[in-house]
Amino acid sequence: MSRERDVEIWARELDGGARAVVLLNRGENAARAEVTWDLLGGSRRDTALLRDLWERQDIGPRREGYDLTLAPHSAALLKATRDNSARA
């Protein structure tokens, strides 16, 4: 778990090695939330395939991490899977 001001990031490993990531804004104002792959046990040099589970949309490959702005008292639920095809 990581917390910066009113933003919390929770992560858990799933079967197969992917990670479920919850980004939570507990504040009264919109806030930027950022998750980096080293926070999830990887490296900032890694590339991960991201999917927004609540929106049911692929975000696509992201290198180093991902950030978004959360509305007050809102959350996002993501799935991050290491992209082994990006390694050369």
N, C-alpha and C. Protein backbone atom coordinates (compact mmCIF):
# COMPACT_ATOMS: atom_id res chain seq x y z
N MET A 1 0.84 -1.17 0.00
CA MET A 1 0.00 0.00 0.00
C MET A 1 0.88 1.23 0.00
N SER A 2 0.44 2.23 -0.73
CA SER A 2 1.15 3.50 -0.79
C SER A 2 0.13 4.61 -0.56
N ARG A 3 0.55 5.66 0.13
CA ARG A 3 -0.36 6.77 0.36
C ARG A 3 0.40 8.08 0.19
N GLU A 4 -0.17 8.97 -0.61
CA GLU A 4 0.37 10.32 -0.77
C GLU A 4 -0.80 11.28 -0.67
N ARG A 5 -0.82 12.03 0.41
CA ARG A 5 -1.93 12.93 0.74
C ARG A 5 -3.22 12.13 0.82
N ASP A 6 -4.20 12.45 -0.04
CA ASP A 6 -5.49 11.77 0.03
C ASP A 6 -5.61 10.59 -0.92
N VAL A 7 -4.53 10.26 -1.63
CA VAL A 7 -4.57 9.18 -2.62
C VAL A 7 -3.90 7.93 -2.05
N GLU A 8 -4.62 6.81 -2.12
CA GLU A 8 -4.09 5.52 -1.70
C GLU A 8 -3.98 4.61 -2.90
N ILE A 9 -2.94 3.79 -2.91
CA ILE A 9 -2.76 2.78 -3.96
C ILE A 9 -2.61 1.43 -3.27
N TRP A 10 -3.48 0.52 -3.63
CA TRP A 10 -3.46 -0.83 -3.09
C TRP A 10 -3.20 -1.79 -4.25
N ALA A 11 -2.40 -2.80 -4.01
CA ALA A 11 -2.09 -3.77 -5.07
C ALA A 11 -2.03 -5.17 -4.48
N ARG A 12 -2.40 -6.12 -5.32
CA ARG A 12 -2.35 -7.53 -4.91
C ARG A 12 -2.04 -8.37 -6.14
N GLU A 13 -1.19 -9.38 -5.92
CA GLU A 13 -0.86 -10.29 -7.02
C GLU A 13 -2.04 -11.21 -7.29
N LEU A 14 -2.30 -11.45 -8.57
CA LEU A 14 -3.34 -12.36 -9.02
C LEU A 14 -2.71 -13.66 -9.50
N ASP A 15 -3.52 -14.68 -9.68
CA ASP A 15 -3.02 -15.92 -10.29
C ASP A 15 -2.41 -15.58 -11.63
N GLY A 16 -1.28 -16.17 -11.94
CA GLY A 16 -0.62 -15.92 -13.21
C GLY A 16 0.37 -14.78 -13.17
N GLY A 17 0.47 -14.07 -12.04
CA GLY A 17 1.48 -13.03 -11.90
C GLY A 17 1.03 -11.61 -12.17
N ALA A 18 -0.16 -11.42 -12.74
CA ALA A 18 -0.66 -10.06 -12.95
C ALA A 18 -0.95 -9.42 -11.60
N ARG A 19 -1.15 -8.11 -11.59
CA ARG A 19 -1.46 -7.38 -10.36
C ARG A 19 -2.77 -6.63 -10.51
N ALA A 20 -3.60 -6.72 -9.49
CA ALA A 20 -4.79 -5.87 -9.38
C ALA A 20 -4.35 -4.62 -8.63
N VAL A 21 -4.74 -3.46 -9.12
CA VAL A 21 -4.33 -2.20 -8.53
C VAL A 21 -5.56 -1.32 -8.32
N VAL A 22 -5.75 -0.86 -7.09
CA VAL A 22 -6.83 0.07 -6.79
C VAL A 22 -6.21 1.43 -6.49
N LEU A 23 -6.68 2.45 -7.19
CA LEU A 23 -6.27 3.83 -6.95
C LEU A 23 -7.47 4.52 -6.31
N LEU A 24 -7.30 5.08 -5.13
CA LEU A 24 -8.42 5.61 -4.36
C LEU A 24 -8.14 7.04 -3.93
N ASN A 25 -9.06 7.95 -4.26
CA ASN A 25 -8.96 9.34 -3.83
C ASN A 25 -9.96 9.55 -2.69
N ARG A 26 -9.46 9.74 -1.49
CA ARG A 26 -10.30 9.95 -0.32
C ARG A 26 -10.55 11.44 -0.05
N GLY A 27 -10.02 12.30 -0.90
CA GLY A 27 -10.09 13.74 -0.66
C GLY A 27 -11.32 14.43 -1.22
N GLU A 28 -11.41 15.69 -0.89
CA GLU A 28 -12.52 16.55 -1.32
C GLU A 28 -12.27 17.17 -2.69
N ASN A 29 -11.05 17.03 -3.22
CA ASN A 29 -10.68 17.62 -4.50
C ASN A 29 -10.15 16.54 -5.43
N ALA A 30 -10.20 16.84 -6.74
CA ALA A 30 -9.59 15.93 -7.71
C ALA A 30 -8.10 15.78 -7.38
N ALA A 31 -7.56 14.61 -7.63
CA ALA A 31 -6.15 14.36 -7.29
C ALA A 31 -5.51 13.45 -8.33
N ARG A 32 -4.23 13.68 -8.56
CA ARG A 32 -3.46 12.83 -9.46
C ARG A 32 -2.99 11.60 -8.71
N ALA A 33 -3.20 10.45 -9.32
CA ALA A 33 -2.74 9.17 -8.76
C ALA A 33 -1.74 8.57 -9.73
N GLU A 34 -0.63 8.10 -9.19
CA GLU A 34 0.40 7.50 -10.03
C GLU A 34 0.86 6.19 -9.43
N VAL A 35 0.89 5.16 -10.27
CA VAL A 35 1.44 3.88 -9.85
C VAL A 35 2.65 3.59 -10.75
N THR A 36 3.76 3.23 -10.13
CA THR A 36 4.96 2.88 -10.88
C THR A 36 5.20 1.38 -10.72
N TRP A 37 5.84 0.81 -11.70
CA TRP A 37 6.00 -0.65 -11.70
C TRP A 37 6.89 -1.12 -10.56
N ASP A 38 7.81 -0.28 -10.09
CA ASP A 38 8.62 -0.70 -8.95
C ASP A 38 7.77 -0.81 -7.68
N LEU A 39 6.71 -0.03 -7.59
CA LEU A 39 5.78 -0.15 -6.47
C LEU A 39 5.09 -1.52 -6.47
N LEU A 40 4.95 -2.10 -7.65
CA LEU A 40 4.27 -3.40 -7.80
C LEU A 40 5.25 -4.56 -7.80
N GLY A 41 6.50 -4.30 -7.50
CA GLY A 41 7.48 -5.38 -7.43
C GLY A 41 8.30 -5.56 -8.68
N GLY A 42 8.12 -4.70 -9.65
CA GLY A 42 8.91 -4.78 -10.88
C GLY A 42 9.98 -3.72 -10.90
N SER A 43 10.26 -3.23 -12.08
CA SER A 43 11.26 -2.19 -12.28
C SER A 43 10.63 -1.06 -13.08
N ARG A 44 11.10 0.15 -12.88
CA ARG A 44 10.60 1.28 -13.67
C ARG A 44 10.88 1.10 -15.16
N ARG A 45 11.82 0.23 -15.49
CA ARG A 45 12.13 -0.03 -16.91
C ARG A 45 11.15 -1.01 -17.54
N ASP A 46 10.32 -1.66 -16.74
CA ASP A 46 9.37 -2.64 -17.26
C ASP A 46 8.26 -1.98 -18.05
N THR A 47 7.65 -2.78 -18.89
CA THR A 47 6.44 -2.38 -19.60
C THR A 47 5.32 -3.30 -19.14
N ALA A 48 4.18 -2.72 -18.85
CA ALA A 48 3.02 -3.51 -18.43
C ALA A 48 1.84 -3.22 -19.33
N LEU A 49 1.05 -4.24 -19.55
CA LEU A 49 -0.22 -4.08 -20.27
C LEU A 49 -1.27 -3.76 -19.22
N LEU A 50 -1.99 -2.66 -19.43
CA LEU A 50 -2.98 -2.22 -18.46
C LEU A 50 -4.39 -2.37 -18.98
N ARG A 51 -5.28 -2.71 -18.07
CA ARG A 51 -6.71 -2.79 -18.38
C ARG A 51 -7.48 -2.13 -17.25
N ASP A 52 -8.42 -1.26 -17.61
CA ASP A 52 -9.33 -0.67 -16.64
C ASP A 52 -10.48 -1.66 -16.47
N LEU A 53 -10.56 -2.28 -15.31
CA LEU A 53 -11.54 -3.35 -15.10
C LEU A 53 -12.96 -2.83 -14.97
N TRP A 54 -13.15 -1.65 -14.38
CA TRP A 54 -14.50 -1.12 -14.24
C TRP A 54 -15.03 -0.58 -15.56
N GLU A 55 -14.16 0.02 -16.36
CA GLU A 55 -14.58 0.55 -17.66
C GLU A 55 -14.57 -0.53 -18.75
N ARG A 56 -13.96 -1.67 -18.42
CA ARG A 56 -13.84 -2.79 -19.37
C ARG A 56 -13.14 -2.37 -20.65
N GLN A 57 -12.03 -1.62 -20.46
CA GLN A 57 -11.27 -1.12 -21.61
C GLN A 57 -9.79 -1.38 -21.40
N ASP A 58 -9.13 -1.80 -22.48
CA ASP A 58 -7.68 -1.92 -22.45
C ASP A 58 -7.09 -0.52 -22.53
N ILE A 59 -6.15 -0.25 -21.68
CA ILE A 59 -5.42 1.02 -21.73
C ILE A 59 -4.21 0.86 -22.62
N GLY A 60 -3.65 -0.36 -22.64
CA GLY A 60 -2.53 -0.66 -23.51
C GLY A 60 -1.23 -0.72 -22.76
N PRO A 61 -0.13 -0.86 -23.51
CA PRO A 61 1.18 -0.96 -22.87
C PRO A 61 1.62 0.38 -22.30
N ARG A 62 2.22 0.33 -21.12
CA ARG A 62 2.75 1.53 -20.47
C ARG A 62 4.12 1.19 -19.90
N ARG A 63 5.06 2.06 -20.16
CA ARG A 63 6.41 1.87 -19.63
C ARG A 63 6.58 2.76 -18.40
N GLU A 64 7.23 2.26 -17.41
CA GLU A 64 7.57 2.94 -16.16
C GLU A 64 6.40 3.04 -15.19
N GLY A 65 5.21 3.33 -15.65
CA GLY A 65 4.07 3.47 -14.75
C GLY A 65 2.87 4.08 -15.45
N TYR A 66 1.91 4.49 -14.65
CA TYR A 66 0.67 5.03 -15.19
C TYR A 66 0.12 6.05 -14.19
N ASP A 67 -0.43 7.13 -14.71
CA ASP A 67 -1.06 8.10 -13.82
C ASP A 67 -2.38 8.57 -14.41
N LEU A 68 -3.26 9.02 -13.55
CA LEU A 68 -4.54 9.55 -13.96
C LEU A 68 -5.05 10.48 -12.87
N THR A 69 -6.04 11.30 -13.23
CA THR A 69 -6.65 12.20 -12.27
C THR A 69 -7.96 11.58 -11.82
N LEU A 70 -8.10 11.45 -10.51
CA LEU A 70 -9.31 10.88 -9.92
C LEU A 70 -10.19 12.00 -9.38
N ALA A 71 -11.47 11.90 -9.65
CA ALA A 71 -12.43 12.84 -9.08
C ALA A 71 -12.46 12.67 -7.56
N PRO A 72 -12.99 13.65 -6.84
CA PRO A 72 -13.10 13.50 -5.38
C PRO A 72 -13.87 12.24 -5.00
N HIS A 73 -13.39 11.54 -4.01
CA HIS A 73 -14.05 10.34 -3.47
C HIS A 73 -14.32 9.29 -4.55
N SER A 74 -13.38 9.12 -5.46
CA SER A 74 -13.56 8.11 -6.52
C SER A 74 -12.38 7.15 -6.52
N ALA A 75 -12.52 6.12 -7.35
CA ALA A 75 -11.49 5.09 -7.41
C ALA A 75 -11.39 4.54 -8.83
N ALA A 76 -10.27 3.88 -9.09
CA ALA A 76 -10.07 3.16 -10.35
C ALA A 76 -9.54 1.78 -9.99
N LEU A 77 -9.94 0.79 -10.78
CA LEU A 77 -9.48 -0.58 -10.59
C LEU A 77 -8.81 -1.03 -11.87
N LEU A 78 -7.51 -1.34 -11.77
CA LEU A 78 -6.72 -1.70 -12.93
C LEU A 78 -6.14 -3.10 -12.78
N LYS A 79 -5.81 -3.68 -13.92
CA LYS A 79 -5.06 -4.93 -13.95
C LYS A 79 -3.79 -4.66 -14.73
N ALA A 80 -2.64 -4.94 -14.12
CA ALA A 80 -1.34 -4.74 -14.76
C ALA A 80 -0.68 -6.09 -14.98
N THR A 81 -0.34 -6.38 -16.24
CA THR A 81 0.31 -7.63 -16.60
C THR A 81 1.63 -7.29 -17.26
N ARG A 82 2.71 -7.88 -16.78
CA ARG A 82 4.02 -7.62 -17.38
C ARG A 82 3.99 -7.99 -18.86
N ASP A 83 4.50 -7.09 -19.67
CA ASP A 83 4.55 -7.29 -21.12
C ASP A 83 5.91 -7.86 -21.49
N ASN A 84 5.99 -9.19 -21.55
CA ASN A 84 7.26 -9.85 -21.86
C ASN A 84 7.69 -9.64 -23.30
N SER A 85 6.76 -9.30 -24.19
CA SER A 85 7.13 -9.07 -25.58
C SER A 85 7.92 -7.78 -25.76
N ALA A 86 7.86 -6.87 -24.76
CA ALA A 86 8.56 -5.59 -24.85
C ALA A 86 10.03 -5.73 -24.48
N ARG A 87 10.41 -6.85 -23.91
CA ARG A 87 11.82 -7.05 -23.52
C ARG A 87 12.63 -7.48 -24.73
N ALA A 88 13.74 -6.85 -24.90
CA ALA A 88 14.59 -7.22 -26.05
C ALA A 88 15.94 -7.67 -25.57
